[in-house]
C-alpha atoms as a PDB file:
ATOM      1  CA  MET A   1       2.233   4.567  -9.483  1.00  0.00           C
ATOM      2  CA  ALA A   2      -0.136   4.095  -6.551  1.00  0.00           C
ATOM      3  CA  GLU A   3      -0.932   5.687  -3.744  1.00  0.00           C
ATOM      4  CA  ALA A   4      -1.624   4.801  -0.345  1.00  0.00           C
ATOM      5  CA  TYR A   5      -2.398   5.880   3.331  1.00  0.00           C
ATOM      6  CA  CYS A   6       0.897   5.259   5.661  1.00  0.00           C
ATOM      7  CA  VAL A   7      -0.215   5.608   9.543  1.00  0.00           C
ATOM      8  CA  LYS A   8       3.298   6.339  10.777  1.00  0.00           C
ATOM      9  CA  ASP A   9       4.132   9.327   8.045  1.00  0.00           C
ATOM     10  CA  LYS A  10      -0.342   9.353   8.547  1.00  0.00           C
ATOM     11  CA  MET A  11      -0.202  11.301   5.337  1.00  0.00           C
ATOM     12  CA  LYS A  12      -0.741   9.323   1.666  1.00  0.00           C
ATOM     13  CA  VAL A  13       2.316   8.954   0.040  1.00  0.00           C
ATOM     14  CA  GLU A  14       3.548   6.737  -2.966  1.00  0.00           C
ATOM     15  CA  VAL A  15       3.756   3.065  -3.074  1.00  0.00           C
ATOM     16  CA  GLN A  16       7.798   1.784  -3.089  1.00  0.00           C
ATOM     17  CA  ASN A  17       8.069  -1.586  -4.831  1.00  0.00           C
ATOM     18  CA  PRO A  18       4.035  -2.497  -6.064  1.00  0.00           C
ATOM     19  CA  VAL A  19       2.995  -6.027  -5.555  1.00  0.00           C
ATOM     20  CA  LYS A  20      -0.694  -6.576  -6.763  1.00  0.00           C
ATOM     21  CA  ILE A  21      -2.845  -8.877  -3.933  1.00  0.00           C
ATOM     22  CA  THR A  22      -5.725 -10.732  -3.473  1.00  0.00           C
ATOM     23  CA  MET A  23      -6.751 -11.143   0.290  1.00  0.00           C
ATOM     24  CA  LYS A  24      -8.690 -14.236   1.469  1.00  0.00           C
ATOM     25  CA  ASN A  25     -12.210 -12.840   0.405  1.00  0.00           C
ATOM     26  CA  GLY A  26     -11.243 -12.153  -2.801  1.00  0.00           C
ATOM     27  CA  LYS A  27     -10.781  -8.820  -3.238  1.00  0.00           C
ATOM     28  CA  PRO A  28      -8.083  -6.695  -5.242  1.00  0.00           C
ATOM     29  CA  ALA A  29      -5.630  -5.055  -3.017  1.00  0.00           C
ATOM     30  CA  THR A  30      -2.234  -3.405  -3.852  1.00  0.00           C
ATOM     31  CA  GLN A  31       0.342  -4.204  -0.539  1.00  0.00           C
ATOM     32  CA  GLY A  32       4.087  -1.825  -0.362  1.00  0.00           C
ATOM     33  CA  THR A  33       6.263   0.002   1.303  1.00  0.00           C
ATOM     34  CA  CYS A  34       6.448   3.418   2.435  1.00  0.00           C
ATOM     35  CA  PRO A  35       9.419   5.208   0.891  1.00  0.00           C
ATOM     36  CA  LYS A  36      10.532   7.778   3.910  1.00  0.00           C
ATOM     37  CA  CYS A  37       9.862   5.845   7.053  1.00  0.00           C
ATOM     38  CA  GLY A  38      10.297   1.722   5.434  1.00  0.00           C
ATOM     39  CA  GLY A  39       6.406   0.594   6.844  1.00  0.00           C
ATOM     40  CA  LYS A  40       4.375  -1.440   4.894  1.00  0.00           C
ATOM     41  CA  VAL A  41       2.013   0.266   2.765  1.00  0.00           C
ATOM     42  CA  PHE A  42      -2.215  -1.469   1.690  1.00  0.00           C
ATOM     43  CA  ARG A  43      -4.551  -0.324  -0.238  1.00  0.00           C
ATOM     44  CA  ILE A  44      -8.144  -2.357  -0.811  1.00  0.00           C
ATOM     45  CA  GLY A  45      -8.984  -1.770  -4.579  1.00  0.00           C
ATOM     46  CA  GLY A  46      -7.750  -2.882  -7.782  1.00  0.00           C
END
């Protein structure tokens, strides 16, 4: 699973429901939700 930094919890968390996306500039990224607070988390990179 992917890890990302949650700004609300101020810690790294495992991403729930990770989705691979492509940003406007063409770079890959992963987007999902935080298991603790339910907020969006985002990680740049493949």
